[in-house]
Protein backbone atom coordinates (compact mmCIF):
# COMPACT_ATOMS: atom_id res chain seq x y z
CA MET A 1 -0.26 0.16 -0.14
CA ARG A 2 0.96 3.68 -1.50
CA GLN A 3 1.76 5.97 1.96
CA LYS A 4 -0.58 8.73 1.34
CA ILE A 5 0.37 12.64 1.83
CA LEU A 6 -1.63 15.46 1.75
CA MET A 7 0.09 18.82 -0.08
CA ILE A 8 -1.33 21.82 0.83
CA ASP A 9 -0.16 24.36 -1.91
CA GLY A 10 -1.25 26.89 -3.86
CA ASP A 11 1.52 26.88 -6.56
CA VAL A 12 0.54 24.29 -9.00
CA PHE A 13 3.64 23.93 -10.95
CA LEU A 14 5.42 23.26 -7.65
CA ALA A 15 2.69 20.19 -7.41
CA ASN A 16 3.11 19.06 -10.30
CA GLN A 17 6.77 18.82 -9.84
CA VAL A 18 6.42 17.41 -5.77
CA ARG A 19 3.59 14.80 -7.67
CA LYS A 20 6.29 13.54 -10.63
CA LEU A 21 9.04 12.84 -7.54
CA PHE A 22 6.66 11.39 -5.34
CA ALA A 23 5.59 8.70 -8.11
CA ALA A 24 9.23 7.85 -8.42
CA ALA A 25 9.06 7.34 -4.54
CA LYS A 26 6.40 5.11 -4.63
CA LEU A 27 4.25 7.79 -2.79
CA GLU A 28 0.67 9.00 -3.29
CA LEU A 29 -0.26 13.03 -3.42
CA GLU A 30 -2.50 14.47 -3.06
CA VAL A 31 -2.73 18.46 -3.71
CA VAL A 32 -5.51 20.31 -2.58
CA ASP A 33 -4.96 24.79 -2.94
CA ASN A 34 -5.87 26.03 0.52
CA ALA A 35 -6.35 25.04 3.96
CA VAL A 36 -9.98 24.73 4.13
CA LEU A 37 -10.36 22.09 1.69
CA GLY A 38 -6.55 20.24 3.01
CA PHE A 39 -8.57 19.95 6.54
CA VAL A 40 -12.02 18.66 4.78
CA ARG A 41 -9.65 15.64 2.88
CA LEU A 42 -7.84 15.17 6.33
CA GLN A 43 -11.24 14.50 7.41
CA GLN A 44 -12.90 12.57 4.50
CA LYS A 45 -9.90 9.75 3.83
CA HIS A 46 -6.09 8.61 5.46
CA PHE A 47 -3.49 10.32 4.96
CA ASP A 48 0.31 9.35 6.41
CA LEU A 49 1.90 13.30 6.86
CA VAL A 50 1.10 16.94 5.36
CA LEU A 51 3.17 18.99 3.47
CA LEU A 52 1.60 22.45 4.05
CA GLU A 53 2.45 26.08 2.60
CA LEU A 54 1.77 29.02 5.43
CA ASP A 55 0.76 31.86 2.92
CA LEU A 56 -2.99 30.26 1.15
CA PRO A 57 -6.16 31.56 0.24
CA TYR A 58 -8.80 32.01 2.22
CA GLN A 59 -7.34 30.48 5.95
CA ASN A 60 -3.25 31.18 6.44
CA GLY A 61 -1.21 28.17 7.32
CA LEU A 62 -1.07 29.04 11.12
CA VAL A 63 -4.89 28.75 11.60
CA ALA A 64 -4.30 25.67 10.30
CA ILE A 65 -2.15 23.83 12.19
CA PRO A 66 -3.87 24.26 15.68
CA ARG A 67 -6.66 22.42 14.04
CA ILE A 68 -5.15 20.11 12.51
CA LYS A 69 -3.09 18.71 15.63
CA LYS A 70 -6.09 19.00 17.79
CA LEU A 71 -8.09 16.99 15.33
CA PHE A 72 -4.75 14.71 14.10
CA PRO A 73 -2.42 14.64 16.59
CA MET A 74 0.49 12.16 15.63
CA LEU A 75 0.18 13.15 11.43
CA PRO A 76 2.80 14.18 11.14
CA VAL A 77 2.63 17.76 9.64
CA LEU A 78 6.01 20.11 7.69
CA ILE A 79 5.53 23.08 7.06
CA TYR A 80 7.05 24.05 3.08
CA THR A 81 7.30 26.97 2.67
CA ASN A 82 8.85 30.29 1.31
CA SER A 83 9.10 32.65 3.96
CA ASP A 84 11.06 32.53 6.67
CA PHE A 85 9.06 35.06 8.55
CA TYR A 86 6.39 32.36 10.75
CA ARG A 87 9.54 30.24 11.92
CA ARG A 88 9.93 31.98 15.40
CA SER A 89 6.02 31.68 15.65
CA PRO A 90 4.65 29.57 18.23
CA VAL A 91 2.58 27.55 16.22
CA VAL A 92 4.91 26.23 14.16
CA TRP A 93 6.08 24.11 16.90
CA SER A 94 3.92 21.19 17.20
CA THR A 95 4.86 20.28 13.39
CA GLN A 96 8.05 18.25 12.68
CA ALA A 97 9.91 20.34 10.45
CA TYR A 98 9.93 23.24 8.86
CA LEU A 99 11.34 23.76 5.40
CA LYS A 100 12.26 26.14 2.62
CA LYS A 101 11.26 25.77 -0.30
CA GLU A 102 14.48 25.81 -2.64
CA ASP A 103 15.22 24.55 -6.78
CA ARG A 104 16.11 21.47 -6.45
CA LEU A 105 13.02 19.18 -4.54
CA GLU A 106 15.12 15.69 -3.07
CA PRO A 107 15.61 17.54 0.17
CA LEU A 108 12.30 17.58 0.37
CA LEU A 109 11.79 13.94 -0.33
CA LYS A 110 14.72 12.61 2.61
CA LYS A 111 12.72 14.90 4.57
CA VAL A 112 9.32 13.72 3.77
CA LEU A 113 10.45 10.01 3.82
CA GLU A 114 12.22 10.35 7.30
CA PHE A 115 9.04 11.22 8.72
CA LEU A 116 7.26 8.16 7.12
CA PRO A 117 7.00 5.12 9.50
CA ALA A 118 7.94 2.69 6.75
CA PHE A 119 11.41 4.64 5.34
CA SER A 120 12.14 5.91 8.63
CA SER A 121 16.05 5.90 8.58
CA PRO A 122 18.06 8.03 10.70
CA PHE A 123 20.49 8.71 7.10
CA GLY A 124 18.16 9.28 4.86
CA ILE A 125 17.39 7.68 1.69
CA SER A 126 19.85 4.81 1.60
CA GLU A 127 21.79 3.97 -1.57
CA GLN A 128 19.75 0.86 -2.45
CA GLU A 129 16.78 3.18 -2.42
CA LYS A 130 18.79 5.98 -4.66
CA LEU A 131 19.70 2.74 -7.25
CA GLU A 132 16.61 1.24 -7.27
CA LEU A 133 14.73 5.22 -8.03
CA GLY A 134 16.87 6.11 -10.72
CA PRO A 135 19.55 8.35 -11.35
CA THR A 136 16.85 10.75 -12.63
CA TRP A 137 14.47 11.04 -9.40
CA TRP A 138 14.60 14.01 -8.13
CA ASP A 139 14.05 15.73 -12.04
């Protein structure tokens, strides 16, 4: 069974790139473009992890974090944003990671795999896993 990740982010181009990367790693990615829809999807379907942008329409990601954590306290939530502005906000302390968006997506995949139980490894992605995924699995 593939592990399911919910990405709450309005950047369609980025979401497509992340979808390709995660598909190559045998992860299922569902994308919604705002926190309100994200919260609805979390109540409708099981997810193993949430990737959350903070700058969102309708409801800021900071508002979504306590709602998600209240109903799903064990669900890993990783902040994935362009902004360093919220890094020191106490609300984000309840999340598992605060990742800055960058051109390369490999660091994102490595961090996601750290928080997915079936993939957890103190060393991140093994050399064998890299070989299985192929030489351009992060493109």
